[in-house]
C-alpha atoms as a PDB file:
ATOM      1  CA  UNK A   1     -13.340  10.799   8.246  1.00  0.00           C
ATOM      2  CA  UNK A   2      -9.938  10.440   9.907  1.00  0.00           C
ATOM      3  CA  UNK A   3      -7.472   7.822   8.667  1.00  0.00           C
ATOM      4  CA  UNK A   4      -7.349   5.862  11.914  1.00  0.00           C
ATOM      5  CA  UNK A   5     -11.033   4.993  11.427  1.00  0.00           C
ATOM      6  CA  UNK A   6     -10.333   3.632   7.939  1.00  0.00           C
ATOM      7  CA  UNK A   7      -7.184   1.544   8.353  1.00  0.00           C
ATOM      8  CA  UNK A   8      -8.907  -1.675   9.385  1.00  0.00           C
ATOM      9  CA  UNK A   9     -11.476  -1.394   6.579  1.00  0.00           C
ATOM     10  CA  UNK A  10      -8.770  -0.832   3.959  1.00  0.00           C
ATOM     11  CA  UNK A  11      -6.612  -3.666   5.288  1.00  0.00           C
ATOM     12  CA  UNK A  12      -9.538  -6.085   5.415  1.00  0.00           C
ATOM     13  CA  UNK A  13     -10.236  -5.628   1.706  1.00  0.00           C
ATOM     14  CA  UNK A  14      -6.579  -5.825   0.708  1.00  0.00           C
ATOM     15  CA  UNK A  15      -6.060  -8.912   2.893  1.00  0.00           C
ATOM     16  CA  UNK A  16      -8.945 -10.642   1.066  1.00  0.00           C
ATOM     17  CA  UNK A  17      -7.171  -9.926  -2.218  1.00  0.00           C
ATOM     18  CA  UNK A  18      -3.927 -11.340  -0.827  1.00  0.00           C
ATOM     19  CA  UNK A  19      -5.662 -14.432   0.593  1.00  0.00           C
ATOM     20  CA  UNK A  20      -7.145 -15.210  -2.843  1.00  0.00           C
ATOM     21  CA  UNK A  21      -3.800 -15.209  -4.686  1.00  0.00           C
ATOM     22  CA  UNK A  22      -2.995 -18.665  -6.036  1.00  0.00           C
ATOM     23  CA  UNK A  23       0.587 -20.022  -6.040  1.00  0.00           C
ATOM     24  CA  UNK A  24       0.560 -20.120  -9.846  1.00  0.00           C
ATOM     25  CA  UNK A  25      -0.083 -16.354  -9.934  1.00  0.00           C
ATOM     26  CA  UNK A  26       3.112 -15.334  -8.108  1.00  0.00           C
ATOM     27  CA  UNK A  27       4.985 -14.700 -11.361  1.00  0.00           C
ATOM     28  CA  UNK A  28       2.188 -12.624 -12.919  1.00  0.00           C
ATOM     29  CA  UNK A  29       3.074  -9.017 -13.846  1.00  0.00           C
ATOM     30  CA  UNK A  30       1.507  -6.179 -11.865  1.00  0.00           C
ATOM     31  CA  UNK A  31       0.665  -2.574 -12.817  1.00  0.00           C
ATOM     32  CA  UNK A  32       3.651  -1.603 -10.668  1.00  0.00           C
ATOM     33  CA  UNK A  33       6.108  -2.322 -13.500  1.00  0.00           C
ATOM     34  CA  UNK A  34       9.154  -3.192 -11.403  1.00  0.00           C
ATOM     35  CA  UNK A  35       7.273  -5.930  -9.525  1.00  0.00           C
ATOM     36  CA  UNK A  36       5.622  -9.202 -10.338  1.00  0.00           C
ATOM     37  CA  UNK A  37       3.169 -10.539  -7.744  1.00  0.00           C
ATOM     38  CA  UNK A  38       5.868 -12.336  -5.739  1.00  0.00           C
ATOM     39  CA  UNK A  39       8.233  -9.355  -5.623  1.00  0.00           C
ATOM     40  CA  UNK A  40       5.397  -6.983  -4.683  1.00  0.00           C
ATOM     41  CA  UNK A  41       4.441  -9.312  -1.821  1.00  0.00           C
ATOM     42  CA  UNK A  42       8.131  -9.377  -0.859  1.00  0.00           C
ATOM     43  CA  UNK A  43       8.244  -5.555  -0.930  1.00  0.00           C
ATOM     44  CA  UNK A  44       5.231  -5.321   1.377  1.00  0.00           C
ATOM     45  CA  UNK A  45       6.623  -7.957   3.752  1.00  0.00           C
ATOM     46  CA  UNK A  46      10.022  -6.219   3.761  1.00  0.00           C
ATOM     47  CA  UNK A  47       8.623  -2.842   4.844  1.00  0.00           C
ATOM     48  CA  UNK A  48       5.700  -4.128   6.942  1.00  0.00           C
ATOM     49  CA  UNK A  49       7.454  -4.404  10.320  1.00  0.00           C
ATOM     50  CA  UNK A  50       8.866  -0.871   9.971  1.00  0.00           C
ATOM     51  CA  UNK A  51       5.419   0.525   9.142  1.00  0.00           C
ATOM     52  CA  UNK A  52       3.906  -1.259  12.124  1.00  0.00           C
ATOM     53  CA  UNK A  53       6.673  -0.006  14.444  1.00  0.00           C
ATOM     54  CA  UNK A  54       6.185   3.568  13.203  1.00  0.00           C
ATOM     55  CA  UNK A  55       2.659   3.536  14.645  1.00  0.00           C
ATOM     56  CA  UNK A  56       4.254   2.984  18.065  1.00  0.00           C
ATOM     57  CA  UNK A  57       6.840   5.747  17.450  1.00  0.00           C
ATOM     58  CA  UNK A  58       9.563   3.091  17.258  1.00  0.00           C
ATOM     59  CA  UNK A  59      12.366   3.060  14.714  1.00  0.00           C
ATOM     60  CA  UNK A  60      12.746  -0.333  13.106  1.00  0.00           C
ATOM     61  CA  UNK A  61      15.014  -0.317  10.104  1.00  0.00           C
ATOM     62  CA  UNK A  62      14.484  -2.977   7.478  1.00  0.00           C
ATOM     63  CA  UNK A  63      17.315  -5.497   7.036  1.00  0.00           C
ATOM     64  CA  UNK A  64      20.585  -3.961   5.861  1.00  0.00           C
ATOM     65  CA  UNK A  65      20.605  -6.036   2.675  1.00  0.00           C
ATOM     66  CA  UNK A  66      18.786  -4.663  -0.336  1.00  0.00           C
ATOM     67  CA  UNK A  67      15.119  -5.541  -0.582  1.00  0.00           C
ATOM     68  CA  UNK A  68      15.747  -7.465  -3.807  1.00  0.00           C
ATOM     69  CA  UNK A  69      18.406  -9.603  -2.064  1.00  0.00           C
ATOM     70  CA  UNK A  70      16.047 -10.912   0.611  1.00  0.00           C
ATOM     71  CA  UNK A  71      13.220 -13.236  -0.377  1.00  0.00           C
ATOM     72  CA  UNK A  72      10.558 -13.165   2.315  1.00  0.00           C
ATOM     73  CA  UNK A  73       8.050 -15.043   0.153  1.00  0.00           C
ATOM     74  CA  UNK A  74       8.847 -18.488   1.521  1.00  0.00           C
ATOM     75  CA  UNK A  75       6.184 -20.775   2.951  1.00  0.00           C
ATOM     76  CA  UNK A  76       2.689 -19.326   2.848  1.00  0.00           C
ATOM     77  CA  UNK A  77       3.658 -15.797   1.843  1.00  0.00           C
ATOM     78  CA  UNK A  78       0.084 -14.694   1.220  1.00  0.00           C
ATOM     79  CA  UNK A  79      -0.967 -15.687   4.737  1.00  0.00           C
ATOM     80  CA  UNK A  80       2.136 -13.938   6.105  1.00  0.00           C
ATOM     81  CA  UNK A  81       1.260 -10.759   4.221  1.00  0.00           C
ATOM     82  CA  UNK A  82      -2.423 -10.834   5.192  1.00  0.00           C
ATOM     83  CA  UNK A  83      -1.375 -11.133   8.848  1.00  0.00           C
ATOM     84  CA  UNK A  84       1.102  -8.263   8.441  1.00  0.00           C
ATOM     85  CA  UNK A  85      -1.554  -6.042   6.843  1.00  0.00           C
ATOM     86  CA  UNK A  86      -3.868  -6.628   9.794  1.00  0.00           C
ATOM     87  CA  UNK A  87      -1.093  -5.884  12.329  1.00  0.00           C
ATOM     88  CA  UNK A  88      -0.237  -2.616  10.564  1.00  0.00           C
ATOM     89  CA  UNK A  89      -3.901  -1.632  10.452  1.00  0.00           C
ATOM     90  CA  UNK A  90      -4.427  -2.474  14.129  1.00  0.00           C
ATOM     91  CA  UNK A  91      -1.398  -0.388  15.106  1.00  0.00           C
ATOM     92  CA  UNK A  92      -2.466   2.611  12.988  1.00  0.00           C
ATOM     93  CA  UNK A  93      -6.108   2.439  14.093  1.00  0.00           C
ATOM     94  CA  UNK A  94      -5.004   3.966  17.399  1.00  0.00           C
ATOM     95  CA  UNK A  95      -5.532   7.756  17.172  1.00  0.00           C
ATOM     96  CA  UNK A  96      -2.275   8.291  19.109  1.00  0.00           C
ATOM     97  CA  UNK A  97      -0.343   6.771  16.192  1.00  0.00           C
ATOM     98  CA  UNK A  98      -1.353   9.790  14.091  1.00  0.00           C
ATOM     99  CA  UNK A  99      -0.060  12.378  16.568  1.00  0.00           C
ATOM    100  CA  UNK A 100       3.314  14.121  16.499  1.00  0.00           C
ATOM    101  CA  UNK A 101       6.198  12.684  14.536  1.00  0.00           C
ATOM    102  CA  UNK A 102       7.334   9.124  13.981  1.00  0.00           C
ATOM    103  CA  UNK A 103      10.551   7.507  12.742  1.00  0.00           C
ATOM    104  CA  UNK A 104      10.567   5.744   9.391  1.00  0.00           C
ATOM    105  CA  UNK A 105      13.361   5.106   6.948  1.00  0.00           C
ATOM    106  CA  UNK A 106      15.992   6.715   9.145  1.00  0.00           C
ATOM    107  CA  UNK A 107      14.226  10.040   9.679  1.00  0.00           C
ATOM    108  CA  UNK A 108      11.390  11.521  11.681  1.00  0.00           C
ATOM    109  CA  UNK A 109       8.310  12.502   9.695  1.00  0.00           C
ATOM    110  CA  UNK A 110       4.893  13.841  10.632  1.00  0.00           C
ATOM    111  CA  UNK A 111       2.852  10.882  11.825  1.00  0.00           C
ATOM    112  CA  UNK A 112      -0.250  11.936   9.822  1.00  0.00           C
ATOM    113  CA  UNK A 113       1.863  11.912   6.647  1.00  0.00           C
ATOM    114  CA  UNK A 114       3.131   8.391   7.364  1.00  0.00           C
ATOM    115  CA  UNK A 115      -0.288   7.085   8.388  1.00  0.00           C
ATOM    116  CA  UNK A 116      -1.866   8.528   5.259  1.00  0.00           C
ATOM    117  CA  UNK A 117       0.885   7.063   3.093  1.00  0.00           C
ATOM    118  CA  UNK A 118       0.338   3.628   4.612  1.00  0.00           C
ATOM    119  CA  UNK A 119      -3.404   3.751   4.027  1.00  0.00           C
ATOM    120  CA  UNK A 120      -2.839   4.816   0.406  1.00  0.00           C
ATOM    121  CA  UNK A 121      -0.246   2.074  -0.103  1.00  0.00           C
ATOM    122  CA  UNK A 122      -2.599  -0.584   1.289  1.00  0.00           C
ATOM    123  CA  UNK A 123      -5.258   0.348  -1.254  1.00  0.00           C
ATOM    124  CA  UNK A 124      -3.019   1.075  -4.254  1.00  0.00           C
ATOM    125  CA  UNK A 125      -0.916  -2.063  -3.832  1.00  0.00           C
ATOM    126  CA  UNK A 126      -4.105  -4.011  -3.104  1.00  0.00           C
ATOM    127  CA  UNK A 127      -5.358  -2.807  -6.477  1.00  0.00           C
ATOM    128  CA  UNK A 128      -2.021  -3.781  -8.084  1.00  0.00           C
ATOM    129  CA  UNK A 129      -2.356  -7.315  -6.729  1.00  0.00           C
ATOM    130  CA  UNK A 130      -6.035  -7.567  -7.614  1.00  0.00           C
ATOM    131  CA  UNK A 131      -5.424  -6.498 -11.217  1.00  0.00           C
ATOM    132  CA  UNK A 132      -2.532  -8.907 -11.569  1.00  0.00           C
ATOM    133  CA  UNK A 133      -4.625 -11.818 -10.307  1.00  0.00           C
ATOM    134  CA  UNK A 134      -7.991 -11.069 -11.932  1.00  0.00           C
ATOM    135  CA  UNK A 135      -9.818  -9.957  -8.795  1.00  0.00           C
ATOM    136  CA  UNK A 136     -12.357  -7.143  -8.387  1.00  0.00           C
ATOM    137  CA  UNK A 137     -12.412  -5.985  -4.750  1.00  0.00           C
ATOM    138  CA  UNK A 138     -14.785  -3.334  -3.518  1.00  0.00           C
ATOM    139  CA  UNK A 139     -13.225  -0.821  -1.155  1.00  0.00           C
ATOM    140  CA  UNK A 140     -15.384   1.228   1.191  1.00  0.00           C
ATOM    141  CA  UNK A 141     -16.321   4.637  -0.285  1.00  0.00           C
ATOM    142  CA  UNK A 142     -14.958   6.487   2.752  1.00  0.00           C
ATOM    143  CA  UNK A 143     -11.640   4.695   2.251  1.00  0.00           C
ATOM    144  CA  UNK A 144     -11.564   5.652  -1.439  1.00  0.00           C
ATOM    145  CA  UNK A 145     -12.426   9.289  -0.677  1.00  0.00           C
ATOM    146  CA  UNK A 146      -9.577   9.414   1.817  1.00  0.00           C
ATOM    147  CA  UNK A 147      -7.131   7.723  -0.565  1.00  0.00           C
ATOM    148  CA  UNK A 148      -8.005  10.090  -3.396  1.00  0.00           C
ATOM    149  CA  UNK A 149      -7.679  13.198  -1.221  1.00  0.00           C
ATOM    150  CA  UNK A 150      -4.416  12.000   0.335  1.00  0.00           C
ATOM    151  CA  UNK A 151      -2.957  11.120  -3.069  1.00  0.00           C
ATOM    152  CA  UNK A 152      -4.060  14.450  -4.535  1.00  0.00           C
ATOM    153  CA  UNK A 153      -2.391  16.292  -1.652  1.00  0.00           C
ATOM    154  CA  UNK A 154       0.907  14.396  -1.815  1.00  0.00           C
ATOM    155  CA  UNK A 155       1.246  13.319  -5.470  1.00  0.00           C
ATOM    156  CA  UNK A 156       3.994  15.827  -6.289  1.00  0.00           C
ATOM    157  CA  UNK A 157       5.946  14.778  -3.189  1.00  0.00           C
ATOM    158  CA  UNK A 158       5.460  11.115  -4.143  1.00  0.00           C
ATOM    159  CA  UNK A 159       6.889  11.784  -7.596  1.00  0.00           C
ATOM    160  CA  UNK A 160       9.860  13.679  -6.130  1.00  0.00           C
ATOM    161  CA  UNK A 161      10.597  10.703  -3.881  1.00  0.00           C
ATOM    162  CA  UNK A 162      10.343   8.291  -6.817  1.00  0.00           C
ATOM    163  CA  UNK A 163       7.322   6.564  -5.297  1.00  0.00           C
ATOM    164  CA  UNK A 164       4.953   7.586  -8.102  1.00  0.00           C
ATOM    165  CA  UNK A 165       5.384   7.679 -11.842  1.00  0.00           C
ATOM    166  CA  UNK A 166       4.284  10.521 -14.106  1.00  0.00           C
ATOM    167  CA  UNK A 167       0.593  11.321 -13.715  1.00  0.00           C
ATOM    168  CA  UNK A 168      -1.717   9.497 -16.108  1.00  0.00           C
ATOM    169  CA  UNK A 169      -4.656  11.694 -17.125  1.00  0.00           C
ATOM    170  CA  UNK A 170      -7.986  10.371 -15.893  1.00  0.00           C
ATOM    171  CA  UNK A 171     -11.359  12.040 -16.546  1.00  0.00           C
ATOM    172  CA  UNK A 172     -12.483  14.294 -13.696  1.00  0.00           C
ATOM    173  CA  UNK A 173     -15.735  12.337 -13.440  1.00  0.00           C
ATOM    174  CA  UNK A 174     -13.941   8.986 -13.108  1.00  0.00           C
ATOM    175  CA  UNK A 175     -14.251   6.914  -9.939  1.00  0.00           C
ATOM    176  CA  UNK A 176     -12.264   8.078  -6.905  1.00  0.00           C
ATOM    177  CA  UNK A 177      -9.952   5.069  -7.087  1.00  0.00           C
ATOM    178  CA  UNK A 178      -9.245   5.620 -10.788  1.00  0.00           C
ATOM    179  CA  UNK A 179      -8.340   9.255 -10.142  1.00  0.00           C
ATOM    180  CA  UNK A 180      -6.025   8.249  -7.301  1.00  0.00           C
ATOM    181  CA  UNK A 181      -4.420   5.592  -9.514  1.00  0.00           C
ATOM    182  CA  UNK A 182      -3.786   8.146 -12.252  1.00  0.00           C
ATOM    183  CA  UNK A 183      -2.105  10.441  -9.722  1.00  0.00           C
ATOM    184  CA  UNK A 184       0.284   7.626  -8.769  1.00  0.00           C
ATOM    185  CA  UNK A 185       1.184   7.020 -12.418  1.00  0.00           C
ATOM    186  CA  UNK A 186      -0.977   3.943 -12.858  1.00  0.00           C
ATOM    187  CA  UNK A 187      -3.360   3.356 -15.739  1.00  0.00           C
ATOM    188  CA  UNK A 188      -6.723   2.374 -14.223  1.00  0.00           C
ATOM    189  CA  UNK A 189      -7.412   0.346 -17.387  1.00  0.00           C
ATOM    190  CA  UNK A 190      -4.262  -1.791 -16.956  1.00  0.00           C
ATOM    191  CA  UNK A 191      -4.645  -5.485 -17.604  1.00  0.00           C
ATOM    192  CA  UNK A 192      -2.005  -8.232 -17.739  1.00  0.00           C
ATOM    193  CA  UNK A 193      -0.618  -8.723 -21.251  1.00  0.00           C
END
């Protein structure tokens, strides 16, 4: 199944995770070691408008200040992020978004690469947030198949770019999501300390 068919399904599950985060959980650690829940939400809010614009072949650079210097988690940050996830998914559910090249991060890249990366990020960071906050979402099997295949295809590139950590071995008969997590350098058995 093509990624544009899966974006809305992936975003819907991740948005439910985000909506269920309690204010007292914002300082909880996540499997993504450099982020707690609040800073991971901030990261997703920081890049969200650029990812949405990329679906329309528009270049929208994030603010010039460093991500860590801008706190976008004011007010109801979980509602803000859930809305942003849905806008990104709506934009990338258009098959035309996946055609040709699109600008992101100051360069043009193949649109299917960017769309696939966004779908993977929605699921992987959704898992990060769910683990950090004690949730157990169920992603659609087609979404998980796509995420695993996309991660398998681009894991080496992700490590070169510093997006993924060293691969964590996961049994070949493990669930699709667990295998994708291992490819990104995450331990599928991670729990908060």
